[in-house]
Amino acid sequence: MNRFEDKRRFGGLIGAFIEKATKGYVLSEREKDRYIKIDTTKGLWTRRDNCENMLYVRFLRQNRRICEECGYHLQMSSTERIELSIDRGTRHPMDEDMVARDVLRFSDEDSYKNRVTFYQKRTGLTDAIQTGIGKLDGTPVALGVTDSQSMGGSMGSVVGEKITRPIEYATRKSMPLIIVCSSGGARMQEGTLSPMQMAKISPVSQIHQAQKRLLYIPIPTYPTTGGVTASFGTLGDIIIAEPKAYIASAGKRVIEQTLRQKIPDGFQVAESLFDHGLLDSIVPRNLSKGVLSEIFELYGSAPCKERNNYYFR
């Protein structure tokens, strides 16, 4: 009852803004400025950007960061993703001490070194990815999860190296591979070192899949863009996306400014990409672990000439 009382109180505070949003009414930027803006990034409540509903943080975490009003999948941290995917007590992290170097001594409004330090303190991660091995419903898997809360999940030399190593480990141990993608693409502060990671990841992925015939499943979430989409984000055997995930190589604004053409709304959303054959499936977050478990079970029981190479039990 306290929760609903608080919700009504917050609803009255922002007035007609909530009422219009819950009815699907889309406000213009000028109209939005007429209403009170509330800082909900901290505390007990947060506000959905799309439908503008007020969400109780505690219940939101219990609901795996899925909006109870519209079903929208909000962004998750890499730690929450790992807890969602891996059996408790079975995860063994890899390369947690790997830190980016400021080779170019890059600086814009702030230095690259200071930015890295800021996000390390903010997220508790050394860089924008966590990797390791664990079990998914008893099946040993190698897992990588990018974290958009750390420099937008951008792919620099550390992210590229930390993805390459579990792929190589999974290839040696004949294990399936899962990479959850939540990234804005290449990290501009590292110059050409960032797009070079695409060329480093792709060959080891090819060895894992084509030569060793092992399974790789990427899971693009919101957002998956740039060099990540052009490399490990779409190189999998089975590509499973979350509902309404934004997946693109170049963003809508970049395309429109380059081609000087209006891009249809929703053409880079997971549902549109699924209709055009880029994705194999769209799976809600609360069902993803079960779906992955079934895929591994089917894959492990399939007839294969090199059956002894697989690590399924």
C-alpha atoms as a PDB file:
ATOM      1  CA  MET A   1       0.000   0.000   0.000  1.00  0.00           C
ATOM      2  CA  ASN A   2       2.886   2.368   0.728  1.00  0.00           C
ATOM      3  CA  ARG A   3       4.232   1.725  -2.728  1.00  0.00           C
ATOM      4  CA  PHE A   4       0.945   2.655  -4.428  1.00  0.00           C
ATOM      5  CA  GLU A   5       0.545   5.659  -2.143  1.00  0.00           C
ATOM      6  CA  ASP A   6       4.012   6.865  -3.166  1.00  0.00           C
ATOM      7  CA  LYS A   7       3.160   6.255  -6.804  1.00  0.00           C
ATOM      8  CA  ARG A   8       0.025   8.405  -6.540  1.00  0.00           C
ATOM      9  CA  ARG A   9       2.025  11.133  -4.812  1.00  0.00           C
ATOM     10  CA  PHE A  10       4.631  11.156  -7.559  1.00  0.00           C
ATOM     11  CA  GLY A  11       1.873  11.026 -10.163  1.00  0.00           C
ATOM     12  CA  GLY A  12       0.342  14.172  -8.736  1.00  0.00           C
ATOM     13  CA  LEU A  13       3.700  15.862  -8.709  1.00  0.00           C
ATOM     14  CA  ILE A  14       4.281  15.532 -12.406  1.00  0.00           C
ATOM     15  CA  GLY A  15       0.650  16.062 -13.228  1.00  0.00           C
ATOM     16  CA  ALA A  16      -0.746  15.493 -16.681  1.00  0.00           C
ATOM     17  CA  PHE A  17       2.655  14.396 -17.969  1.00  0.00           C
ATOM     18  CA  ILE A  18       2.154  10.848 -16.671  1.00  0.00           C
ATOM     19  CA  GLU A  19      -1.470  10.736 -17.765  1.00  0.00           C
ATOM     20  CA  LYS A  20      -0.689  11.618 -21.351  1.00  0.00           C
ATOM     21  CA  ALA A  21       2.280   9.273 -21.530  1.00  0.00           C
ATOM     22  CA  THR A  22       0.330   6.244 -20.261  1.00  0.00           C
ATOM     23  CA  LYS A  23      -2.246   6.850 -22.975  1.00  0.00           C
ATOM     24  CA  GLY A  24       0.429   6.632 -25.634  1.00  0.00           C
ATOM     25  CA  TYR A  25       0.484  10.385 -26.145  1.00  0.00           C
ATOM     26  CA  VAL A  26       3.862  11.544 -27.480  1.00  0.00           C
ATOM     27  CA  LEU A  27       4.941  14.981 -26.322  1.00  0.00           C
ATOM     28  CA  SER A  28       7.053  17.301 -28.382  1.00  0.00           C
ATOM     29  CA  GLU A  29      10.277  18.693 -26.938  1.00  0.00           C
ATOM     30  CA  ARG A  30       8.621  22.070 -26.396  1.00  0.00           C
ATOM     31  CA  GLU A  31       5.693  20.518 -24.538  1.00  0.00           C
ATOM     32  CA  LYS A  32       8.016  18.457 -22.332  1.00  0.00           C
ATOM     33  CA  ASP A  33       9.708  21.614 -21.085  1.00  0.00           C
ATOM     34  CA  ARG A  34       6.407  22.882 -19.651  1.00  0.00           C
ATOM     35  CA  TYR A  35       6.338  20.131 -17.035  1.00  0.00           C
ATOM     36  CA  ILE A  36       8.430  19.688 -13.945  1.00  0.00           C
ATOM     37  CA  LYS A  37      11.601  17.677 -14.469  1.00  0.00           C
ATOM     38  CA  ILE A  38      12.455  15.397 -11.576  1.00  0.00           C
ATOM     39  CA  ASP A  39      15.873  13.861 -10.942  1.00  0.00           C
ATOM     40  CA  THR A  40      14.976  10.187 -10.538  1.00  0.00           C
ATOM     41  CA  THR A  41      18.401   8.733 -11.242  1.00  0.00           C
ATOM     42  CA  LYS A  42      18.888   8.073  -7.522  1.00  0.00           C
ATOM     43  CA  GLY A  43      16.590   7.002  -4.724  1.00  0.00           C
ATOM     44  CA  LEU A  44      13.616   4.685  -4.546  1.00  0.00           C
ATOM     45  CA  TRP A  45      12.028   5.596  -7.873  1.00  0.00           C
ATOM     46  CA  THR A  46      13.058   5.910 -11.486  1.00  0.00           C
ATOM     47  CA  ARG A  47      11.188   7.063 -14.575  1.00  0.00           C
ATOM     48  CA  ARG A  48      10.869   5.302 -17.914  1.00  0.00           C
ATOM     49  CA  ASP A  49      12.095   7.470 -20.802  1.00  0.00           C
ATOM     50  CA  ASN A  50       9.555   6.164 -23.299  1.00  0.00           C
ATOM     51  CA  CYS A  51       6.252   5.873 -21.432  1.00  0.00           C
ATOM     52  CA  GLU A  52       7.314   8.217 -18.561  1.00  0.00           C
ATOM     53  CA  ASN A  53       5.910   5.842 -15.938  1.00  0.00           C
ATOM     54  CA  MET A  54       7.304   6.078 -12.408  1.00  0.00           C
ATOM     55  CA  LEU A  55       8.839   2.734 -11.400  1.00  0.00           C
ATOM     56  CA  TYR A  56       9.702   1.565  -7.914  1.00  0.00           C
ATOM     57  CA  VAL A  57      13.390   0.552  -8.068  1.00  0.00           C
ATOM     58  CA  ARG A  58      13.063  -2.397  -5.698  1.00  0.00           C
ATOM     59  CA  PHE A  59      10.220  -3.970  -7.683  1.00  0.00           C
ATOM     60  CA  LEU A  60      11.968  -3.090 -10.934  1.00  0.00           C
ATOM     61  CA  ARG A  61      15.020  -5.116  -9.891  1.00  0.00           C
ATOM     62  CA  GLN A  62      12.840  -8.033  -8.852  1.00  0.00           C
ATOM     63  CA  ASN A  63      11.138  -7.834 -12.246  1.00  0.00           C
ATOM     64  CA  ARG A  64      14.545  -8.000 -13.989  1.00  0.00           C
ATOM     65  CA  ARG A  65      14.313  -4.353 -15.050  1.00  0.00           C
ATOM     66  CA  ILE A  66      11.222  -4.856 -17.198  1.00  0.00           C
ATOM     67  CA  CYS A  67       8.644  -2.066 -17.039  1.00  0.00           C
ATOM     68  CA  GLU A  68       5.496  -3.468 -15.442  1.00  0.00           C
ATOM     69  CA  GLU A  69       3.311  -0.982 -17.319  1.00  0.00           C
ATOM     70  CA  CYS A  70       4.448  -1.428 -20.933  1.00  0.00           C
ATOM     71  CA  GLY A  71       6.807  -4.424 -20.835  1.00  0.00           C
ATOM     72  CA  TYR A  72       9.807  -2.410 -22.032  1.00  0.00           C
ATOM     73  CA  HIS A  73      13.222  -3.897 -21.243  1.00  0.00           C
ATOM     74  CA  LEU A  74      15.379  -1.333 -19.443  1.00  0.00           C
ATOM     75  CA  GLN A  75      19.160  -1.475 -19.448  1.00  0.00           C
ATOM     76  CA  MET A  76      20.858  -3.835 -16.992  1.00  0.00           C
ATOM     77  CA  SER A  77      24.350  -3.810 -15.562  1.00  0.00           C
ATOM     78  CA  SER A  78      26.726  -6.589 -16.563  1.00  0.00           C
ATOM     79  CA  THR A  79      26.585  -8.013 -13.043  1.00  0.00           C
ATOM     80  CA  GLU A  80      22.794  -8.292 -13.214  1.00  0.00           C
ATOM     81  CA  ARG A  81      23.093  -9.986 -16.598  1.00  0.00           C
ATOM     82  CA  ILE A  82      25.507 -12.549 -15.217  1.00  0.00           C
ATOM     83  CA  GLU A  83      23.233 -13.280 -12.266  1.00  0.00           C
ATOM     84  CA  LEU A  84      20.364 -13.744 -14.708  1.00  0.00           C
ATOM     85  CA  SER A  85      22.270 -16.153 -16.967  1.00  0.00           C
ATOM     86  CA  ILE A  86      24.674 -18.200 -14.853  1.00  0.00           C
ATOM     87  CA  ASP A  87      23.833 -20.733 -12.126  1.00  0.00           C
ATOM     88  CA  ARG A  88      24.638 -19.363  -8.698  1.00  0.00           C
ATOM     89  CA  GLY A  89      28.080 -20.235  -7.392  1.00  0.00           C
ATOM     90  CA  THR A  90      29.381 -21.572 -10.712  1.00  0.00           C
ATOM     91  CA  ARG A  91      30.938 -18.450 -12.249  1.00  0.00           C
ATOM     92  CA  HIS A  92      34.691 -18.026 -12.481  1.00  0.00           C
ATOM     93  CA  PRO A  93      35.672 -14.552 -13.781  1.00  0.00           C
ATOM     94  CA  MET A  94      38.554 -14.008 -16.189  1.00  0.00           C
ATOM     95  CA  ASP A  95      41.051 -11.136 -16.616  1.00  0.00           C
ATOM     96  CA  GLU A  96      39.512  -8.824 -14.028  1.00  0.00           C
ATOM     97  CA  ASP A  97      42.729  -6.867 -13.608  1.00  0.00           C
ATOM     98  CA  MET A  98      43.049  -5.781 -17.263  1.00  0.00           C
ATOM     99  CA  VAL A  99      43.068  -1.975 -17.578  1.00  0.00           C
ATOM    100  CA  ALA A 100      43.101   0.326 -20.627  1.00  0.00           C
ATOM    101  CA  ARG A 101      46.164   2.418 -21.434  1.00  0.00           C
ATOM    102  CA  ASP A 102      46.023   5.936 -22.818  1.00  0.00           C
ATOM    103  CA  VAL A 103      48.425   5.318 -25.700  1.00  0.00           C
ATOM    104  CA  LEU A 104      47.349   8.416 -27.655  1.00  0.00           C
ATOM    105  CA  ARG A 105      47.116  10.663 -24.575  1.00  0.00           C
ATOM    106  CA  PHE A 106      43.676  11.595 -25.851  1.00  0.00           C
ATOM    107  CA  SER A 107      41.866  14.586 -24.397  1.00  0.00           C
ATOM    108  CA  ASP A 108      38.723  16.535 -25.284  1.00  0.00           C
ATOM    109  CA  GLU A 109      36.642  18.046 -22.474  1.00  0.00           C
ATOM    110  CA  ASP A 110      38.547  15.716 -20.172  1.00  0.00           C
ATOM    111  CA  SER A 111      41.442  13.311 -20.576  1.00  0.00           C
ATOM    112  CA  TYR A 112      40.821   9.684 -21.495  1.00  0.00           C
ATOM    113  CA  LYS A 113      42.681   8.592 -18.368  1.00  0.00           C
ATOM    114  CA  ASN A 114      40.355  10.603 -16.131  1.00  0.00           C
ATOM    115  CA  ARG A 115      37.287   9.245 -17.913  1.00  0.00           C
ATOM    116  CA  VAL A 116      38.428   5.663 -17.396  1.00  0.00           C
ATOM    117  CA  THR A 117      39.077   6.336 -13.708  1.00  0.00           C
ATOM    118  CA  PHE A 118      35.662   7.992 -13.308  1.00  0.00           C
ATOM    119  CA  TYR A 119      33.768   5.033 -14.763  1.00  0.00           C
ATOM    120  CA  GLN A 120      35.848   2.556 -12.791  1.00  0.00           C
ATOM    121  CA  LYS A 121      34.746   4.251  -9.576  1.00  0.00           C
ATOM    122  CA  ARG A 122      31.172   4.578 -10.806  1.00  0.00           C
ATOM    123  CA  THR A 123      30.673   0.953 -11.916  1.00  0.00           C
ATOM    124  CA  GLY A 124      33.299  -0.960  -9.966  1.00  0.00           C
ATOM    125  CA  LEU A 125      34.577  -2.469 -13.231  1.00  0.00           C
ATOM    126  CA  THR A 126      38.025  -2.068 -14.752  1.00  0.00           C
ATOM    127  CA  ASP A 127      36.467  -1.692 -18.212  1.00  0.00           C
ATOM    128  CA  ALA A 128      33.213  -2.080 -20.135  1.00  0.00           C
ATOM    129  CA  ILE A 129      32.971  -5.878 -20.054  1.00  0.00           C
ATOM    130  CA  GLN A 130      32.949  -8.858 -17.717  1.00  0.00           C
ATOM    131  CA  THR A 131      33.993 -12.298 -18.925  1.00  0.00           C
ATOM    132  CA  GLY A 132      34.314 -15.732 -17.412  1.00  0.00           C
ATOM    133  CA  ILE A 133      33.071 -19.290 -17.409  1.00  0.00           C
ATOM    134  CA  GLY A 134      30.180 -20.863 -15.565  1.00  0.00           C
ATOM    135  CA  LYS A 135      27.223 -23.161 -15.899  1.00  0.00           C
ATOM    136  CA  LEU A 136      23.834 -22.453 -17.429  1.00  0.00           C
ATOM    137  CA  ASP A 137      21.362 -25.006 -16.076  1.00  0.00           C
ATOM    138  CA  GLY A 138      24.306 -27.341 -15.618  1.00  0.00           C
ATOM    139  CA  THR A 139      25.890 -26.772 -19.040  1.00  0.00           C
ATOM    140  CA  PRO A 140      29.434 -25.299 -18.911  1.00  0.00           C
ATOM    141  CA  VAL A 141      29.595 -22.119 -20.998  1.00  0.00           C
ATOM    142  CA  ALA A 142      31.967 -19.230 -21.644  1.00  0.00           C
ATOM    143  CA  LEU A 143      30.298 -15.867 -21.149  1.00  0.00           C
ATOM    144  CA  GLY A 144      31.052 -12.250 -21.995  1.00  0.00           C
ATOM    145  CA  VAL A 145      28.789  -9.338 -21.035  1.00  0.00           C
ATOM    146  CA  THR A 146      29.440  -5.765 -22.140  1.00  0.00           C
ATOM    147  CA  ASP A 147      28.256  -3.002 -19.827  1.00  0.00           C
ATOM    148  CA  SER A 148      26.789   0.173 -21.339  1.00  0.00           C
ATOM    149  CA  GLN A 149      27.132   1.946 -17.982  1.00  0.00           C
ATOM    150  CA  SER A 150      30.905   2.020 -18.454  1.00  0.00           C
ATOM    151  CA  MET A 151      31.772   4.505 -21.229  1.00  0.00           C
ATOM    152  CA  GLY A 152      28.699   3.428 -23.148  1.00  0.00           C
ATOM    153  CA  GLY A 153      29.993  -0.142 -23.346  1.00  0.00           C
ATOM    154  CA  SER A 154      32.385   1.046 -26.043  1.00  0.00           C
ATOM    155  CA  MET A 155      34.878  -1.408 -27.494  1.00  0.00           C
ATOM    156  CA  GLY A 156      38.504  -0.525 -26.873  1.00  0.00           C
ATOM    157  CA  SER A 157      41.620  -2.657 -26.676  1.00  0.00           C
ATOM    158  CA  VAL A 158      40.662  -4.118 -23.280  1.00  0.00           C
ATOM    159  CA  VAL A 159      37.175  -5.111 -24.414  1.00  0.00           C
ATOM    160  CA  GLY A 160      38.574  -6.683 -27.580  1.00  0.00           C
ATOM    161  CA  GLU A 161      41.214  -8.654 -25.678  1.00  0.00           C
ATOM    162  CA  LYS A 162      38.811  -9.749 -22.963  1.00  0.00           C
ATOM    163  CA  ILE A 163      36.388 -11.075 -25.584  1.00  0.00           C
ATOM    164  CA  THR A 164      39.126 -12.838 -27.546  1.00  0.00           C
ATOM    165  CA  ARG A 165      40.448 -14.767 -24.540  1.00  0.00           C
ATOM    166  CA  PRO A 166      37.202 -16.534 -23.507  1.00  0.00           C
ATOM    167  CA  ILE A 167      36.557 -17.409 -27.154  1.00  0.00           C
ATOM    168  CA  GLU A 168      39.978 -19.060 -27.342  1.00  0.00           C
ATOM    169  CA  TYR A 169      39.382 -20.764 -23.993  1.00  0.00           C
ATOM    170  CA  ALA A 170      35.973 -22.039 -25.128  1.00  0.00           C
ATOM    171  CA  THR A 171      37.582 -23.358 -28.322  1.00  0.00           C
ATOM    172  CA  ARG A 172      40.278 -25.268 -26.389  1.00  0.00           C
ATOM    173  CA  LYS A 173      37.777 -26.700 -23.909  1.00  0.00           C
ATOM    174  CA  SER A 174      35.061 -27.344 -26.541  1.00  0.00           C
ATOM    175  CA  MET A 175      32.516 -25.162 -24.754  1.00  0.00           C
ATOM    176  CA  PRO A 176      29.640 -23.108 -26.178  1.00  0.00           C
ATOM    177  CA  LEU A 177      29.966 -19.326 -26.078  1.00  0.00           C
ATOM    178  CA  ILE A 178      27.500 -16.558 -25.153  1.00  0.00           C
ATOM    179  CA  ILE A 179      28.190 -12.835 -25.510  1.00  0.00           C
ATOM    180  CA  VAL A 180      25.596 -10.307 -24.354  1.00  0.00           C
ATOM    181  CA  CYS A 181      26.038  -7.064 -26.293  1.00  0.00           C
ATOM    182  CA  SER A 182      25.183  -3.655 -24.890  1.00  0.00           C
ATOM    183  CA  SER A 183      27.545  -1.208 -26.539  1.00  0.00           C
ATOM    184  CA  GLY A 184      27.712   2.048 -28.450  1.00  0.00           C
ATOM    185  CA  GLY A 185      30.436   0.688 -30.738  1.00  0.00           C
ATOM    186  CA  ALA A 186      34.122   1.506 -31.105  1.00  0.00           C
ATOM    187  CA  ARG A 187      35.884   3.667 -28.509  1.00  0.00           C
ATOM    188  CA  MET A 188      37.081   6.806 -30.270  1.00  0.00           C
ATOM    189  CA  GLN A 189      39.599   7.704 -27.531  1.00  0.00           C
ATOM    190  CA  GLU A 190      41.825   4.820 -28.648  1.00  0.00           C
ATOM    191  CA  GLY A 191      41.905   5.694 -32.351  1.00  0.00           C
ATOM    192  CA  THR A 192      42.668   2.803 -34.715  1.00  0.00           C
ATOM    193  CA  LEU A 193      43.331   0.449 -31.802  1.00  0.00           C
ATOM    194  CA  SER A 194      39.566   0.187 -31.347  1.00  0.00           C
ATOM    195  CA  PRO A 195      38.471  -0.946 -34.864  1.00  0.00           C
ATOM    196  CA  MET A 196      41.486  -3.288 -34.866  1.00  0.00           C
ATOM    197  CA  GLN A 197      39.638  -5.338 -32.247  1.00  0.00           C
ATOM    198  CA  MET A 198      37.086  -6.310 -34.879  1.00  0.00           C
ATOM    199  CA  ALA A 199      39.840  -7.944 -36.909  1.00  0.00           C
ATOM    200  CA  LYS A 200      41.156  -9.705 -33.808  1.00  0.00           C
ATOM    201  CA  ILE A 201      37.822 -11.095 -32.624  1.00  0.00           C
ATOM    202  CA  SER A 202      36.486 -12.287 -35.979  1.00  0.00           C
ATOM    203  CA  PRO A 203      39.247 -14.869 -36.769  1.00  0.00           C
ATOM    204  CA  VAL A 204      39.066 -16.560 -33.342  1.00  0.00           C
ATOM    205  CA  SER A 205      35.291 -16.646 -33.662  1.00  0.00           C
ATOM    206  CA  GLN A 206      35.646 -18.285 -37.077  1.00  0.00           C
ATOM    207  CA  ILE A 207      37.931 -20.963 -35.619  1.00  0.00           C
ATOM    208  CA  HIS A 208      35.474 -21.578 -32.783  1.00  0.00           C
ATOM    209  CA  GLN A 209      32.466 -21.929 -35.079  1.00  0.00           C
ATOM    210  CA  ALA A 210      33.611 -23.137 -38.492  1.00  0.00           C
ATOM    211  CA  GLN A 211      36.694 -25.192 -37.709  1.00  0.00           C
ATOM    212  CA  LYS A 212      35.745 -26.621 -34.296  1.00  0.00           C
ATOM    213  CA  ARG A 213      31.990 -26.600 -34.975  1.00  0.00           C
ATOM    214  CA  LEU A 214      31.157 -25.120 -31.607  1.00  0.00           C
ATOM    215  CA  LEU A 215      28.126 -23.019 -30.799  1.00  0.00           C
ATOM    216  CA  TYR A 216      28.241 -19.244 -30.415  1.00  0.00           C
ATOM    217  CA  ILE A 217      25.138 -17.258 -29.427  1.00  0.00           C
ATOM    218  CA  PRO A 218      25.302 -13.444 -29.341  1.00  0.00           C
ATOM    219  CA  ILE A 219      22.491 -11.598 -27.546  1.00  0.00           C
ATOM    220  CA  PRO A 220      22.181  -8.008 -28.813  1.00  0.00           C
ATOM    221  CA  THR A 221      20.323  -5.763 -26.370  1.00  0.00           C
ATOM    222  CA  TYR A 222      19.637  -2.043 -26.172  1.00  0.00           C
ATOM    223  CA  PRO A 223      21.856  -0.592 -27.546  1.00  0.00           C
ATOM    224  CA  THR A 224      24.063  -2.605 -29.934  1.00  0.00           C
ATOM    225  CA  THR A 225      25.668  -0.356 -32.524  1.00  0.00           C
ATOM    226  CA  GLY A 226      28.786   0.432 -34.521  1.00  0.00           C
ATOM    227  CA  GLY A 227      31.763  -1.918 -34.569  1.00  0.00           C
ATOM    228  CA  VAL A 228      30.141  -4.292 -32.108  1.00  0.00           C
ATOM    229  CA  THR A 229      27.222  -4.888 -34.477  1.00  0.00           C
ATOM    230  CA  ALA A 230      29.662  -5.248 -37.375  1.00  0.00           C
ATOM    231  CA  SER A 231      31.715  -7.906 -35.547  1.00  0.00           C
ATOM    232  CA  PHE A 232      30.899 -10.216 -32.653  1.00  0.00           C
ATOM    233  CA  GLY A 233      27.371  -8.848 -32.214  1.00  0.00           C
ATOM    234  CA  THR A 234      26.132 -10.537 -35.396  1.00  0.00           C
ATOM    235  CA  LEU A 235      28.653 -13.315 -36.071  1.00  0.00           C
ATOM    236  CA  GLY A 236      26.819 -15.989 -34.097  1.00  0.00           C
ATOM    237  CA  ASP A 237      25.224 -19.250 -35.152  1.00  0.00           C
ATOM    238  CA  ILE A 238      21.965 -18.221 -33.464  1.00  0.00           C
ATOM    239  CA  ILE A 239      21.303 -14.523 -32.816  1.00  0.00           C
ATOM    240  CA  ILE A 240      18.784 -13.852 -30.057  1.00  0.00           C
ATOM    241  CA  ALA A 241      17.732 -10.266 -29.333  1.00  0.00           C
ATOM    242  CA  GLU A 242      15.636  -8.696 -26.614  1.00  0.00           C
ATOM    243  CA  PRO A 243      12.312  -7.047 -27.498  1.00  0.00           C
ATOM    244  CA  LYS A 244      12.604  -3.490 -28.843  1.00  0.00           C
ATOM    245  CA  ALA A 245      16.411  -3.644 -28.768  1.00  0.00           C
ATOM    246  CA  TYR A 246      18.112  -0.961 -30.857  1.00  0.00           C
ATOM    247  CA  ILE A 247      20.561  -2.731 -33.200  1.00  0.00           C
ATOM    248  CA  ALA A 248      22.416  -0.813 -35.889  1.00  0.00           C
ATOM    249  CA  SER A 249      25.775  -0.238 -37.504  1.00  0.00           C
ATOM    250  CA  ALA A 250      25.331   3.484 -38.117  1.00  0.00           C
ATOM    251  CA  GLY A 251      22.708   5.333 -36.101  1.00  0.00           C
ATOM    252  CA  LYS A 252      19.559   6.826 -37.542  1.00  0.00           C
ATOM    253  CA  ARG A 253      20.787  10.400 -37.188  1.00  0.00           C
ATOM    254  CA  VAL A 254      24.092   9.601 -38.910  1.00  0.00           C
ATOM    255  CA  ILE A 255      22.318   7.921 -41.828  1.00  0.00           C
ATOM    256  CA  GLU A 256      19.861  10.784 -42.263  1.00  0.00           C
ATOM    257  CA  GLN A 257      22.589  13.423 -42.189  1.00  0.00           C
ATOM    258  CA  THR A 258      24.764  11.454 -44.624  1.00  0.00           C
ATOM    259  CA  LEU A 259      22.111  10.385 -47.151  1.00  0.00           C
ATOM    260  CA  ARG A 260      19.812  13.370 -46.542  1.00  0.00           C
ATOM    261  CA  GLN A 261      16.877  11.012 -46.485  1.00  0.00           C
ATOM    262  CA  LYS A 262      14.238  10.427 -43.832  1.00  0.00           C
ATOM    263  CA  ILE A 263      14.582   7.005 -42.189  1.00  0.00           C
ATOM    264  CA  PRO A 264      11.354   5.208 -41.157  1.00  0.00           C
ATOM    265  CA  ASP A 265      10.711   4.956 -37.435  1.00  0.00           C
ATOM    266  CA  GLY A 266      11.563   1.572 -35.967  1.00  0.00           C
ATOM    267  CA  PHE A 267      13.597   0.276 -38.882  1.00  0.00           C
ATOM    268  CA  GLN A 268      16.587  -0.438 -36.578  1.00  0.00           C
ATOM    269  CA  VAL A 269      14.513  -2.036 -33.832  1.00  0.00           C
ATOM    270  CA  ALA A 270      14.816  -5.777 -33.176  1.00  0.00           C
ATOM    271  CA  GLU A 271      11.326  -6.572 -34.494  1.00  0.00           C
ATOM    272  CA  SER A 272      12.069  -4.945 -37.861  1.00  0.00           C
ATOM    273  CA  LEU A 273      15.443  -6.687 -38.129  1.00  0.00           C
ATOM    274  CA  PHE A 274      13.793 -10.011 -37.330  1.00  0.00           C
ATOM    275  CA  ASP A 275      11.281  -9.470 -40.137  1.00  0.00           C
ATOM    276  CA  HIS A 276      14.178  -8.874 -42.538  1.00  0.00           C
ATOM    277  CA  GLY A 277      16.101 -11.979 -41.458  1.00  0.00           C
ATOM    278  CA  LEU A 278      18.985 -10.521 -39.433  1.00  0.00           C
ATOM    279  CA  LEU A 279      17.857 -12.134 -36.168  1.00  0.00           C
ATOM    280  CA  ASP A 280      16.859 -15.715 -35.448  1.00  0.00           C
ATOM    281  CA  SER A 281      14.623 -14.980 -32.496  1.00  0.00           C
ATOM    282  CA  ILE A 282      13.394 -12.297 -30.105  1.00  0.00           C
ATOM    283  CA  VAL A 283      13.177 -13.582 -26.545  1.00  0.00           C
ATOM    284  CA  PRO A 284      11.947 -11.673 -23.469  1.00  0.00           C
ATOM    285  CA  ARG A 285      14.547 -11.332 -20.749  1.00  0.00           C
ATOM    286  CA  ASN A 286      12.760 -13.483 -18.193  1.00  0.00           C
ATOM    287  CA  LEU A 287      12.678 -16.413 -20.653  1.00  0.00           C
ATOM    288  CA  SER A 288      16.206 -16.129 -22.044  1.00  0.00           C
ATOM    289  CA  LYS A 289      17.912 -18.588 -19.705  1.00  0.00           C
ATOM    290  CA  GLY A 290      15.335 -21.279 -20.387  1.00  0.00           C
ATOM    291  CA  VAL A 291      15.567 -20.762 -24.152  1.00  0.00           C
ATOM    292  CA  LEU A 292      19.368 -20.941 -24.070  1.00  0.00           C
ATOM    293  CA  SER A 293      19.190 -24.119 -21.986  1.00  0.00           C
ATOM    294  CA  GLU A 294      16.880 -25.761 -24.534  1.00  0.00           C
ATOM    295  CA  ILE A 295      19.170 -24.755 -27.415  1.00  0.00           C
ATOM    296  CA  PHE A 296      22.175 -26.287 -25.659  1.00  0.00           C
ATOM    297  CA  GLU A 297      20.214 -29.439 -24.937  1.00  0.00           C
ATOM    298  CA  LEU A 298      19.176 -29.806 -28.589  1.00  0.00           C
ATOM    299  CA  TYR A 299      22.662 -29.002 -29.793  1.00  0.00           C
ATOM    300  CA  GLY A 300      24.268 -31.492 -27.436  1.00  0.00           C
ATOM    301  CA  SER A 301      21.953 -34.304 -28.530  1.00  0.00           C
ATOM    302  CA  ALA A 302      22.360 -33.656 -32.272  1.00  0.00           C
ATOM    303  CA  PRO A 303      24.283 -36.294 -34.274  1.00  0.00           C
ATOM    304  CA  CYS A 304      27.770 -35.136 -35.175  1.00  0.00           C
ATOM    305  CA  LYS A 305      30.868 -36.761 -36.634  1.00  0.00           C
ATOM    306  CA  GLU A 306      33.026 -35.104 -33.996  1.00  0.00           C
ATOM    307  CA  ARG A 307      30.694 -35.712 -31.080  1.00  0.00           C
ATOM    308  CA  ASN A 308      33.583 -36.417 -28.678  1.00  0.00           C
ATOM    309  CA  ASN A 309      34.799 -32.836 -29.058  1.00  0.00           C
ATOM    310  CA  TYR A 310      31.781 -31.326 -27.333  1.00  0.00           C
ATOM    311  CA  TYR A 311      31.761 -30.498 -23.689  1.00  0.00           C
ATOM    312  CA  PHE A 312      28.130 -31.341 -23.003  1.00  0.00           C
ATOM    313  CA  ARG A 313      27.183 -33.681 -20.190  1.00  0.00           C
END
